[in-house]
Protein backbone atom coordinates (compact mmCIF):
# COMPACT_ATOMS: atom_id res chain seq x y z
CA MET A 1 0.88 -185.15 -68.48
CA GLU A 2 4.38 -186.35 -69.36
CA ASP A 3 4.41 -188.72 -66.37
CA ARG A 4 0.97 -190.14 -67.08
CA LYS A 5 0.58 -193.81 -67.91
CA LEU A 6 -1.80 -194.61 -70.74
CA SER A 7 -4.12 -197.58 -70.38
CA VAL A 8 -4.29 -200.06 -73.25
CA LEU A 9 -6.91 -202.61 -74.28
CA ILE A 10 -5.64 -205.29 -76.65
CA ALA A 11 -8.55 -206.42 -78.83
CA GLY A 12 -7.47 -209.71 -80.39
CA CYS A 13 -4.69 -211.86 -78.93
CA GLY A 14 -3.38 -213.74 -81.97
CA ARG A 15 0.12 -213.92 -83.43
CA VAL A 16 0.85 -210.23 -83.92
CA SER A 17 -0.34 -209.33 -80.42
CA GLU A 18 2.88 -210.85 -79.03
CA LYS A 19 4.76 -207.86 -80.48
CA HIS A 20 2.34 -205.51 -78.74
CA ALA A 21 2.93 -207.30 -75.44
CA LYS A 22 6.70 -206.98 -75.77
CA ALA A 23 6.40 -203.27 -76.55
CA ILE A 24 4.08 -202.59 -73.60
CA LYS A 25 6.37 -204.55 -71.26
CA THR A 26 9.38 -202.49 -72.39
CA LEU A 27 7.45 -199.22 -72.09
CA SER A 28 5.92 -199.97 -68.68
CA LYS A 29 6.61 -196.38 -67.54
CA GLN A 30 4.38 -195.06 -70.32
CA TYR A 31 1.74 -197.79 -70.62
CA MET A 32 -0.27 -200.23 -68.52
CA LEU A 33 -2.33 -203.07 -69.93
CA ALA A 34 -5.90 -202.58 -68.77
CA GLY A 35 -7.42 -205.53 -70.57
CA ALA A 36 -6.96 -208.31 -73.11
CA CYS A 37 -9.90 -209.42 -75.23
CA ASP A 38 -10.21 -212.64 -77.21
CA VAL A 39 -12.75 -215.42 -77.70
CA ASN A 40 -9.93 -217.71 -76.58
CA GLU A 41 -9.42 -216.88 -72.92
CA ASN A 42 -6.10 -218.75 -72.82
CA ALA A 43 -4.76 -216.41 -75.52
CA ALA A 44 -5.86 -213.41 -73.45
CA LYS A 45 -4.17 -214.87 -70.36
CA ALA A 46 -0.94 -215.38 -72.31
CA MET A 47 -1.07 -211.76 -73.49
CA ILE A 48 -1.35 -210.53 -69.91
CA THR A 49 1.54 -212.74 -68.80
CA ASN A 50 3.71 -211.52 -71.68
CA CYS A 51 3.20 -207.91 -70.59
CA GLY A 52 4.91 -208.59 -67.26
CA LYS A 53 4.39 -205.97 -64.55
CA ALA A 54 2.59 -203.71 -67.06
CA GLY A 55 -0.22 -206.28 -67.11
CA THR A 56 -0.56 -206.82 -63.37
CA ASP A 57 -4.10 -205.42 -63.10
CA ALA A 58 -5.32 -206.38 -66.57
CA LYS A 59 -8.76 -207.95 -67.00
CA ILE A 60 -9.83 -210.64 -69.46
CA TYR A 61 -12.76 -210.15 -71.81
CA ARG A 62 -14.45 -212.12 -74.56
CA ASP A 63 -16.60 -209.19 -75.75
CA TRP A 64 -14.59 -206.24 -77.11
CA LYS A 65 -17.51 -203.81 -76.84
CA LYS A 66 -17.99 -204.61 -73.14
CA ALA A 67 -14.24 -204.16 -72.62
CA VAL A 68 -14.26 -200.71 -74.23
CA ASP A 69 -17.33 -199.64 -72.24
CA GLU A 70 -16.05 -200.83 -68.86
CA LEU A 71 -12.35 -199.97 -69.13
CA LYS A 72 -12.59 -196.69 -71.05
CA PRO A 73 -8.99 -197.19 -72.21
CA ASP A 74 -6.76 -194.43 -73.54
CA VAL A 75 -5.66 -196.74 -76.36
CA VAL A 76 -7.33 -199.68 -78.06
CA ALA A 77 -4.86 -201.82 -79.98
CA ILE A 78 -6.87 -203.61 -82.67
CA THR A 79 -5.29 -206.89 -83.76
CA LEU A 80 -8.52 -208.55 -84.83
CA PRO A 81 -9.19 -209.88 -88.36
CA SER A 82 -9.18 -207.01 -90.86
CA GLY A 83 -12.86 -207.43 -91.63
CA MET A 84 -13.68 -206.35 -88.05
CA HIS A 85 -11.53 -203.21 -88.03
CA TYR A 86 -14.22 -200.75 -89.13
CA GLU A 87 -16.75 -201.67 -86.45
CA VAL A 88 -14.26 -201.82 -83.59
CA ALA A 89 -12.29 -198.72 -84.64
CA THR A 90 -15.27 -196.41 -85.04
CA TYR A 91 -16.91 -197.59 -81.81
CA ALA A 92 -13.71 -197.21 -79.78
CA MET A 93 -12.99 -193.70 -81.07
CA GLU A 94 -16.54 -192.56 -80.42
CA LYS A 95 -16.08 -193.81 -76.84
CA GLY A 96 -12.95 -191.67 -76.50
CA ALA A 97 -10.11 -194.11 -77.25
CA ASN A 98 -7.09 -193.56 -79.45
CA LEU A 99 -6.06 -196.47 -81.65
CA LEU A 100 -3.13 -198.58 -82.61
CA LEU A 101 -4.62 -200.23 -85.67
CA GLU A 102 -3.01 -203.14 -87.47
CA LYS A 103 -2.95 -203.13 -91.27
CA PRO A 104 -4.95 -202.91 -93.37
CA MET A 105 -7.14 -200.19 -91.90
CA ALA A 106 -10.24 -201.79 -93.44
CA MET A 107 -11.34 -204.04 -96.28
CA SER A 108 -12.99 -201.33 -98.38
CA GLU A 109 -12.31 -197.78 -99.47
CA ASP A 110 -15.61 -196.64 -97.92
CA GLU A 111 -14.85 -198.11 -94.50
CA ALA A 112 -11.27 -196.79 -94.48
CA ARG A 113 -12.55 -193.33 -95.37
CA ALA A 114 -15.15 -193.56 -92.57
CA ILE A 115 -12.49 -194.53 -90.00
CA TYR A 116 -10.33 -191.61 -91.11
CA ASP A 117 -13.30 -189.22 -90.94
CA THR A 118 -14.21 -190.45 -87.46
CA SER A 119 -10.66 -189.82 -86.25
CA LYS A 120 -10.93 -186.22 -87.45
CA LYS A 121 -14.42 -185.76 -85.96
CA THR A 122 -13.45 -187.15 -82.55
CA SER A 123 -9.86 -185.76 -82.54
CA ARG A 124 -8.58 -189.24 -81.72
CA LYS A 125 -5.14 -190.40 -82.84
CA ILE A 126 -4.68 -193.48 -85.02
CA ALA A 127 -1.23 -195.04 -85.23
CA MET A 128 -1.23 -197.52 -88.10
CA GLY A 129 0.75 -200.74 -87.82
CA HIS A 130 2.85 -199.88 -90.90
CA ILE A 131 5.93 -201.26 -89.22
CA TYR A 132 8.57 -200.51 -91.87
CA ARG A 133 8.31 -196.76 -91.27
CA TYR A 134 9.63 -197.33 -87.75
CA LEU A 135 12.81 -199.20 -88.62
CA PRO A 136 16.14 -197.45 -87.85
CA VAL A 137 17.43 -194.87 -90.40
CA VAL A 138 14.32 -195.20 -92.62
CA GLY A 139 12.88 -191.84 -91.54
CA ILE A 140 16.23 -190.09 -91.99
CA ILE A 141 16.61 -191.50 -95.50
CA ARG A 142 13.09 -190.41 -96.34
CA ASP A 143 13.84 -186.85 -95.19
CA ASP A 144 16.96 -186.72 -97.39
CA ILE A 145 15.03 -187.95 -100.44
CA ALA A 146 12.39 -185.27 -99.75
CA LYS A 147 15.06 -182.57 -99.42
CA GLY A 148 16.49 -183.52 -102.83
CA VAL A 149 19.80 -184.89 -101.56
CA TYR A 150 19.60 -187.60 -104.24
CA GLY A 151 17.94 -185.48 -106.92
CA LYS A 152 14.83 -186.48 -108.80
CA VAL A 153 13.21 -189.82 -107.94
CA THR A 154 12.90 -191.88 -111.13
CA HIS A 155 11.22 -195.05 -109.88
CA GLY A 156 10.85 -197.52 -107.05
CA SER A 157 10.34 -201.24 -106.69
CA ILE A 158 9.39 -203.74 -104.01
CA TYR A 159 9.03 -207.46 -103.75
CA VAL A 160 7.49 -209.30 -100.81
CA ARG A 161 7.97 -213.07 -100.99
CA TRP A 162 6.36 -214.06 -97.72
CA GLY A 163 5.64 -217.74 -98.18
CA HIS A 164 2.85 -219.41 -96.23
CA GLY A 165 1.70 -222.99 -96.58
CA ASP A 166 -1.88 -224.15 -96.50
CA ASP A 167 -1.44 -224.90 -92.79
CA TYR A 168 -1.16 -221.15 -92.15
CA TYR A 169 -4.39 -220.45 -94.02
CA ASP A 170 -6.13 -223.44 -92.43
CA SER A 171 -5.25 -222.16 -88.93
CA ALA A 172 -8.13 -219.66 -89.04
CA ALA A 173 -11.22 -219.69 -91.24
CA TRP A 174 -10.92 -215.98 -92.09
CA ARG A 175 -7.38 -216.17 -93.51
CA GLY A 176 -7.15 -215.63 -97.24
CA THR A 177 -10.83 -214.70 -97.56
CA TRP A 178 -11.99 -211.66 -99.51
CA LYS A 179 -14.25 -210.57 -96.64
CA ALA A 180 -11.84 -210.62 -93.74
CA ASP A 181 -8.25 -210.82 -94.99
CA GLY A 182 -7.57 -210.42 -98.70
CA GLY A 183 -4.62 -212.04 -100.42
CA ALA A 184 -0.87 -211.58 -100.65
CA LEU A 185 -1.11 -207.95 -101.75
CA MET A 186 -3.62 -206.83 -99.13
CA ASN A 187 -2.19 -208.73 -96.19
CA GLN A 188 1.51 -209.39 -96.64
CA THR A 189 2.47 -206.57 -99.04
CA ILE A 190 0.58 -203.52 -97.76
CA HIS A 191 3.45 -202.69 -95.35
CA ALA A 192 5.88 -202.52 -98.24
CA ILE A 193 3.57 -200.52 -100.50
CA ASP A 194 3.09 -198.00 -97.72
CA LEU A 195 6.84 -197.69 -97.20
CA LEU A 196 7.66 -197.35 -100.89
CA VAL A 197 5.08 -194.58 -101.42
CA TRP A 198 6.29 -192.82 -98.26
CA LEU A 199 9.95 -192.99 -99.29
CA MET A 200 9.22 -191.76 -102.80
CA GLY A 201 7.45 -188.76 -101.27
CA THR A 202 4.56 -188.57 -103.69
CA GLU A 203 1.02 -189.94 -104.10
CA PRO A 204 -0.19 -192.66 -106.50
CA VAL A 205 -2.45 -191.36 -109.29
CA GLU A 206 -2.90 -194.52 -111.39
CA ALA A 207 -2.73 -198.29 -110.86
CA GLN A 208 -2.43 -201.27 -113.22
CA ALA A 209 -2.34 -204.84 -111.93
CA MET A 210 -2.63 -208.59 -112.41
CA ILE A 211 -3.27 -211.22 -109.72
CA ALA A 212 -3.21 -215.01 -109.74
CA GLN A 213 -3.78 -218.15 -107.67
CA ARG A 214 -0.83 -220.50 -108.06
CA LEU A 215 -0.30 -222.73 -105.04
CA ARG A 216 -2.41 -221.79 -102.00
CA HIS A 217 -5.99 -222.97 -101.57
CA ILE A 218 -7.58 -219.65 -100.64
CA GLU A 219 -10.29 -217.34 -101.97
CA ALA A 220 -7.92 -214.45 -102.73
CA GLU A 221 -4.64 -214.18 -104.63
CA ASP A 222 -1.36 -215.78 -103.60
CA LEU A 223 0.51 -213.77 -106.26
CA GLY A 224 0.08 -210.22 -107.47
CA TYR A 225 1.90 -207.64 -109.58
CA ALA A 226 1.11 -203.94 -109.85
CA ILE A 227 2.50 -200.76 -111.34
CA LEU A 228 1.72 -197.37 -109.87
CA ARG A 229 2.12 -194.06 -111.64
CA MET A 230 2.95 -191.38 -109.11
CA GLU A 231 1.89 -187.74 -109.03
CA ASP A 232 5.41 -186.53 -109.90
CA GLY A 233 5.63 -188.86 -112.92
CA SER A 234 7.77 -191.56 -111.30
CA LEU A 235 6.74 -195.21 -111.42
CA ALA A 236 6.57 -197.93 -108.77
CA HIS A 237 6.67 -201.70 -109.38
CA ILE A 238 5.16 -204.11 -106.84
CA GLU A 239 5.39 -207.89 -106.44
CA GLY A 240 3.68 -209.68 -103.57
CA THR A 241 3.28 -213.41 -103.03
CA THR A 242 2.77 -216.13 -100.45
CA ALA A 243 3.43 -218.84 -103.04
CA THR A 244 7.08 -219.16 -102.03
CA SER A 245 8.86 -221.21 -99.38
CA PRO A 246 7.58 -220.56 -95.84
CA LYS A 247 11.15 -221.25 -94.68
CA GLU A 248 12.54 -218.02 -96.20
CA HIS A 249 10.52 -214.85 -95.88
CA SER A 250 12.05 -211.99 -97.85
CA ALA A 251 11.16 -208.43 -98.73
CA GLU A 252 13.15 -205.73 -100.51
CA PHE A 253 12.54 -202.06 -101.26
CA SER A 254 14.48 -199.91 -103.71
CA VAL A 255 14.22 -196.25 -104.61
CA PHE A 256 16.17 -195.11 -107.66
CA CYS A 257 17.10 -191.45 -107.92
CA GLU A 258 18.97 -189.14 -110.24
CA ASN A 259 21.98 -189.07 -107.89
CA GLY A 260 21.76 -192.26 -105.88
CA GLN A 261 20.07 -195.52 -105.04
CA ILE A 262 18.60 -196.80 -101.79
CA THR A 263 17.93 -200.51 -101.22
CA MET A 264 16.73 -202.08 -97.99
CA GLY A 265 15.47 -205.55 -97.24
CA LEU A 266 14.85 -208.48 -94.95
CA VAL A 267 15.73 -212.12 -95.61
CA SER A 268 14.70 -214.63 -92.93
CA GLY A 269 14.67 -211.85 -90.36
CA LYS A 270 18.13 -210.50 -91.27
CA ALA A 271 18.23 -206.90 -92.50
CA HIS A 272 20.41 -205.56 -95.29
CA ILE A 273 20.80 -202.03 -96.57
CA SER A 274 22.74 -200.32 -99.34
CA ILE A 275 22.71 -196.54 -99.76
CA LYS A 276 24.85 -195.16 -102.59
CA ASP A 277 25.41 -191.66 -103.93
CA ALA A 278 25.92 -190.71 -107.59
CA SER A 279 29.53 -191.91 -107.58
CA GLY A 280 28.56 -195.32 -106.21
CA LYS A 281 30.04 -194.58 -102.78
CA LYS A 282 28.21 -196.28 -99.91
CA LYS A 283 26.70 -193.99 -97.28
CA ASN A 284 25.49 -196.64 -94.83
CA PHE A 285 27.82 -195.53 -92.05
CA HIS A 286 26.69 -191.90 -92.38
CA TYR A 287 23.08 -192.93 -91.71
CA LEU A 288 23.99 -195.20 -88.81
CA LEU A 289 25.81 -192.28 -87.18
CA GLU A 290 22.92 -189.92 -87.85
CA GLN A 291 20.44 -192.40 -86.31
CA THR A 292 22.65 -192.64 -83.21
CA LYS A 293 22.82 -188.84 -82.93
CA GLN A 294 19.07 -188.39 -83.28
CA GLY A 295 17.76 -191.35 -81.30
CA GLY A 296 20.67 -192.82 -79.37
CA LEU A 297 21.72 -196.45 -79.44
CA SER A 298 18.41 -197.52 -77.92
CA SER A 299 16.61 -196.44 -81.11
CA PHE A 300 18.06 -199.46 -82.90
CA LYS A 301 15.87 -201.72 -80.73
CA THR A 302 13.00 -201.06 -83.14
CA ALA A 303 14.83 -203.24 -85.66
CA LEU A 304 13.91 -206.21 -83.46
CA ASN A 305 10.35 -205.07 -82.73
CA PRO A 306 9.02 -202.13 -84.79
CA HIS A 307 5.90 -202.07 -82.60
CA LEU A 308 8.14 -200.60 -79.91
CA GLY A 309 8.59 -197.59 -82.19
CA ILE A 310 4.87 -197.36 -82.88
CA TYR A 311 3.97 -197.35 -79.18
CA LYS A 312 6.67 -194.77 -78.38
CA ASP A 313 5.48 -192.51 -81.18
CA LEU A 314 1.81 -192.88 -80.25
CA TYR A 315 2.52 -191.95 -76.63
CA ASP A 316 4.31 -188.75 -77.69
CA CYS A 317 1.52 -187.91 -80.14
CA ILE A 318 -1.24 -188.31 -77.53
CA ILE A 319 0.64 -186.31 -74.89
CA SER A 320 1.82 -183.57 -77.29
CA ASP A 321 -1.11 -183.60 -79.75
CA LYS A 322 0.91 -184.49 -82.85
CA GLU A 323 0.21 -186.79 -85.78
CA PRO A 324 1.76 -190.30 -85.71
CA VAL A 325 4.49 -191.26 -88.16
CA ALA A 326 1.95 -193.64 -89.76
CA SER A 327 -1.28 -191.71 -89.30
CA ALA A 328 -4.99 -192.16 -89.96
CA TYR A 329 -4.60 -190.58 -93.38
CA ASP A 330 -1.79 -192.99 -94.23
CA GLY A 331 -3.98 -195.92 -93.27
CA TYR A 332 -6.80 -194.66 -95.49
CA SER A 333 -4.47 -193.88 -98.39
CA SER A 334 -2.87 -197.33 -98.35
CA VAL A 335 -6.29 -199.01 -98.48
CA ASP A 336 -7.36 -196.71 -101.32
CA THR A 337 -4.23 -197.73 -103.25
CA LEU A 338 -4.82 -201.45 -102.60
CA MET A 339 -8.46 -201.21 -103.66
CA GLY A 340 -7.30 -199.43 -106.80
CA ILE A 341 -4.88 -202.26 -107.51
CA TYR A 342 -7.61 -204.87 -107.03
CA LYS A 343 -10.01 -202.90 -109.23
CA ALA A 344 -7.35 -202.67 -111.95
CA ALA A 345 -6.89 -206.46 -111.80
CA LEU A 346 -10.66 -206.99 -111.93
CA THR A 347 -11.31 -204.68 -114.87
CA GLY A 348 -8.06 -205.23 -116.76
CA LYS A 349 -7.78 -201.46 -117.11
CA ALA A 350 -5.76 -198.66 -115.58
CA VAL A 351 -7.54 -197.18 -112.55
CA GLU A 352 -7.30 -193.56 -111.47
CA LEU A 353 -6.29 -192.86 -107.86
CA PRO A 354 -7.57 -191.84 -105.42
CA LEU A 355 -10.72 -193.79 -106.25
CA LYS A 356 -13.70 -191.71 -107.33
CA GLU A 357 -16.16 -194.25 -105.89
CA GLY A 358 -15.97 -196.92 -103.23
CA PHE A 359 -14.48 -200.34 -103.89
CA SER A 360 -14.36 -203.34 -101.55
CA SER A 361 -12.36 -206.54 -101.41
CA LEU A 362 -15.74 -208.29 -101.62
CA ASP A 363 -16.07 -206.90 -105.16
CA MET A 364 -13.37 -209.46 -106.00
CA LYS A 365 -15.27 -212.50 -104.64
CA ASP A 366 -16.01 -214.04 -108.08
CA TYR A 367 -12.65 -213.20 -109.65
CA PHE A 368 -11.24 -216.74 -109.56
CA ASN A 369 -14.56 -218.55 -110.11
């Protein structure tokens, strides 16, 4: 089993699929591209070319259902618009495929729950595209927070200022829509929310939020703020926006503890990190050494393409029957949290989490009207 190559079908060959192609090309001993599916055949051809030798025998499809039926792939990587995730994910798992599923898992709490339930029923693995979990040293830091190395967690904060102009939203009719995409919180910020909750090591139990439309001509929000109350009593503050300069994408995560502070971020693709103990002494070098010990120097490659880490992890999980670092439950939980945030913005009231009844992004369709 350890020498077996897993076949992959890429369903959707847009921007993010390039990262999948690079990962499959690098991991050609573990994976082979069986097919690429897109309504734009040129995009599918480019995907196959980008996979190099791993895509030598890959076939092109326009119909994802036909591709799943004919190829019977080990893994379906779903990079289609978020509004299609539920249909494709459930069908592929019922046909025997494992999934690499881009965020968000679905556009409603009900559909995310159904995908999670199907994964349990079929015993299929789902690796969520929550890329920040796969960056170097992040997992080691999370383990230390969980072990109490830094004492009690008091609070956390994130901001995601991922500017996009109207040209980005105009490039595809589904972008920025409540049905297929959501706004800055659902699309651009869900990675960061997932990471913050994971690092803090506890579950959200209450959400309060406000959203706004400031600059972008879309159905959903281009600016959102939220506060989460966590199960252990700590608080988390969230800012997400696309109403900033497209020339400087930035994101930052901070976890504040009784005996230390952890801050990590990206500015225009450049990473920064600051890990301090109670005395203010930096511990960056300690974590770099620990990452090298645990994963070797090659493990730092995930800083350039986190999807490499996702594919590596998924392979090990399928072969050894383990749960992925970002699992089906994590995908469901992140959607439940986002739907809670949207519901809090809609009602103007605090919302209890997990949600007691289903909520969909489509419930927000008249919010700005």
